Protein backbone atom coordinates (compact mmCIF):
# COMPACT_ATOMS: atom_id res chain seq x y z
CA MET A 1 12.29 57.95 23.23
CA LYS A 2 15.05 58.22 20.65
CA ILE A 3 17.26 55.81 22.55
CA LYS A 4 14.61 53.09 22.75
CA PHE A 5 13.90 53.40 19.04
CA SER A 6 17.56 53.20 18.10
CA ILE A 7 18.05 50.04 20.22
CA LEU A 8 15.05 48.41 18.55
CA LYS A 9 16.29 49.51 15.11
CA SER A 10 19.74 48.09 15.71
CA GLN A 11 18.31 44.74 16.82
CA LEU A 12 16.12 44.49 13.71
CA SER A 13 18.78 45.57 11.25
CA ASN A 14 21.43 43.18 12.57
CA PRO A 15 19.73 39.75 12.64
CA LEU A 16 21.86 36.93 13.93
CA GLY A 17 21.56 33.47 12.33
CA PHE A 18 21.98 30.08 13.91
CA THR A 19 25.39 29.11 15.10
CA LEU A 20 27.07 25.99 13.76
CA ILE A 21 26.50 24.18 17.06
CA GLU A 22 22.77 24.97 17.02
CA LEU A 23 22.49 23.69 13.46
CA LEU A 24 24.34 20.47 14.27
CA VAL A 25 22.17 19.81 17.33
CA SER A 26 18.99 20.45 15.34
CA ILE A 27 20.08 18.15 12.50
CA SER A 28 21.07 15.44 15.00
CA ILE A 29 17.67 15.56 16.69
CA ILE A 30 15.89 15.35 13.34
CA ALA A 31 18.06 12.40 12.29
CA ILE A 32 17.35 10.51 15.52
CA LEU A 33 13.59 11.09 15.21
CA THR A 34 13.65 10.00 11.57
CA ALA A 35 15.47 6.78 12.44
CA LEU A 36 12.99 5.95 15.20
CA LEU A 37 9.95 6.68 13.06
CA THR A 38 11.27 4.74 10.08
CA ALA A 39 11.77 1.62 12.22
CA ASN A 40 8.22 2.02 13.55
CA PHE A 41 6.74 2.38 10.06
CA ILE A 42 8.54 -0.74 8.83
CA GLY A 43 7.09 -2.69 11.76
CA ALA A 44 3.61 -1.33 11.03
CA ARG A 45 3.85 -2.47 7.40
CA GLN A 46 4.94 -5.94 8.50
CA ARG A 47 2.05 -6.19 10.94
CA GLY A 48 -0.34 -5.07 8.21
CA ARG A 49 0.89 -7.75 5.80
CA ASP A 50 0.69 -10.34 8.58
CA GLY A 51 -2.89 -9.28 9.26
CA GLN A 52 -3.66 -9.79 5.57
CA ARG A 53 -2.06 -13.26 5.66
CA LYS A 54 -4.11 -14.29 8.70
CA SER A 55 -7.30 -12.94 7.15
CA ASN A 56 -6.60 -14.86 3.93
CA MET A 57 -6.00 -18.07 5.83
CA TYR A 58 -9.17 -17.66 7.91
CA GLN A 59 -11.14 -17.17 4.67
CA ILE A 60 -9.65 -20.38 3.29
CA GLN A 61 -10.52 -22.12 6.56
CA SER A 62 -14.14 -20.95 6.24
CA ALA A 63 -14.31 -22.28 2.67
CA LEU A 64 -12.85 -25.60 3.82
CA GLU A 65 -15.49 -25.87 6.55
CA LEU A 66 -18.25 -25.19 4.01
CA TYR A 67 -16.71 -27.86 1.74
CA ARG A 68 -16.68 -30.37 4.61
CA ALA A 69 -20.27 -29.58 5.57
CA ASP A 70 -21.42 -30.40 2.03
CA ASN A 71 -19.09 -33.31 1.21
CA GLY A 72 -18.41 -34.95 4.58
CA ASN A 73 -14.63 -34.47 4.42
CA TYR A 74 -11.95 -31.93 3.58
CA PRO A 75 -10.41 -31.84 0.10
CA LEU A 76 -7.27 -33.92 -0.29
CA THR A 77 -4.00 -32.07 -0.82
CA ALA A 78 -3.95 -32.90 -4.54
CA ALA A 79 -7.55 -31.69 -4.99
CA MET A 80 -6.99 -28.33 -3.28
CA ALA A 81 -7.08 -25.37 -5.66
CA THR A 82 -3.84 -23.54 -6.20
CA CYS A 83 -3.25 -19.89 -5.56
CA GLY A 84 -5.48 -17.71 -7.72
CA ASN A 85 -7.94 -20.48 -8.66
CA GLY A 86 -11.18 -21.25 -6.90
CA ILE A 87 -12.43 -24.04 -4.65
CA SER A 88 -15.49 -25.66 -6.18
CA VAL A 89 -17.13 -29.05 -6.59
CA GLY A 90 -19.77 -29.58 -9.24
CA GLY A 91 -21.79 -26.38 -9.35
CA THR A 92 -20.99 -25.29 -5.78
CA ILE A 93 -18.33 -22.60 -5.44
CA TYR A 94 -16.78 -22.48 -1.98
CA MET A 95 -14.24 -19.79 -2.79
CA GLN A 96 -13.99 -17.77 -5.98
CA LYS A 97 -10.27 -17.18 -5.79
CA VAL A 98 -7.83 -18.66 -3.29
CA PRO A 99 -5.69 -15.75 -2.00
CA CYS A 100 -1.91 -15.73 -2.27
CA ASP A 101 0.74 -14.44 0.11
CA PRO A 102 0.77 -10.61 -0.21
CA VAL A 103 4.56 -10.39 -0.64
CA THR A 104 5.74 -13.56 -2.38
CA GLY A 105 2.55 -14.43 -4.27
CA ASN A 106 3.03 -18.06 -3.24
CA PRO A 107 0.11 -20.19 -2.08
CA TYR A 108 -0.40 -21.05 1.57
CA GLN A 109 0.64 -24.62 2.31
CA TYR A 110 -2.37 -26.92 2.69
CA THR A 111 -2.11 -30.60 3.60
CA SER A 112 -4.81 -33.19 4.16
CA VAL A 113 -3.92 -36.84 3.85
CA ASP A 114 -7.18 -38.61 4.69
CA GLY A 115 -9.77 -35.81 4.38
CA SER A 116 -10.69 -35.90 8.08
CA THR A 117 -8.12 -33.29 9.17
CA TYR A 118 -6.06 -30.58 7.51
CA THR A 119 -3.24 -28.18 8.23
CA LEU A 120 -2.85 -24.76 6.64
CA PHE A 121 0.52 -23.01 6.96
CA GLY A 122 1.63 -19.46 6.27
CA CYS A 123 4.73 -17.47 7.22
CA LEU A 124 4.52 -14.26 9.27
CA GLU A 125 7.13 -11.50 9.06
CA ASN A 126 6.71 -10.27 12.63
CA SER A 127 8.53 -12.75 14.87
CA ASN A 128 6.83 -11.22 17.94
CA ASP A 129 3.30 -11.97 16.70
CA SER A 130 1.17 -13.47 19.46
CA ASP A 131 -0.51 -15.90 17.01
CA LYS A 132 2.70 -17.47 15.71
CA ASP A 133 3.08 -21.24 15.83
CA THR A 134 5.39 -22.15 18.71
CA ASP A 135 5.88 -25.80 17.67
CA GLN A 136 9.57 -26.18 16.82
CA ALA A 137 8.79 -28.96 14.34
CA ASP A 138 6.93 -26.42 12.17
CA ALA A 139 9.75 -23.85 12.24
CA SER A 140 11.35 -25.36 9.12
CA VAL A 141 8.33 -24.33 7.02
CA CYS A 142 9.46 -20.70 6.98
CA THR A 143 12.82 -19.17 6.24
CA SER A 144 14.37 -16.99 8.91
CA PRO A 145 13.38 -14.38 10.18
CA ASN A 146 9.79 -15.38 9.28
CA VAL A 147 7.81 -17.50 11.72
CA PRO A 148 5.09 -20.08 10.95
CA PHE A 149 1.37 -19.52 11.44
CA LYS A 150 -0.73 -22.68 11.43
CA LEU A 151 -4.45 -23.33 11.21
CA THR A 152 -5.95 -26.78 11.69
CA ASN A 153 -9.49 -28.04 11.46
CA PRO A 154 -11.56 -26.87 14.44
């Protein structure tokens, strides 16, 4: 009985710490996991901002459709409200405040020459987005690595 107790006592009184190799391996694993998770979080933030951009542009598209239903055509480029202002004609308000890009604060690019059609452009951060505009002629709208997102009248 005395022998068992002395073995247990010697193990408890002489604790061994981590070796240098064990510490280096542990720190390396933590560093690798941190690098992988950081890259994933950056991508998630980009996708979130892109979702906000698309939502903003769909809201503008809805306001433009309401405008066309009441007035028979889309607003001309010069008549379109700028970022932060509303879209209204007379007493009818189609959109209280036109949203801006969540990062740059710039307005989305709207063009309508004759009022029968329009194009609304925005730039997405995620170049792998399935909704990106694949037309190479529109690629010059956005600076690299951003890709264009285009809405036209339905």
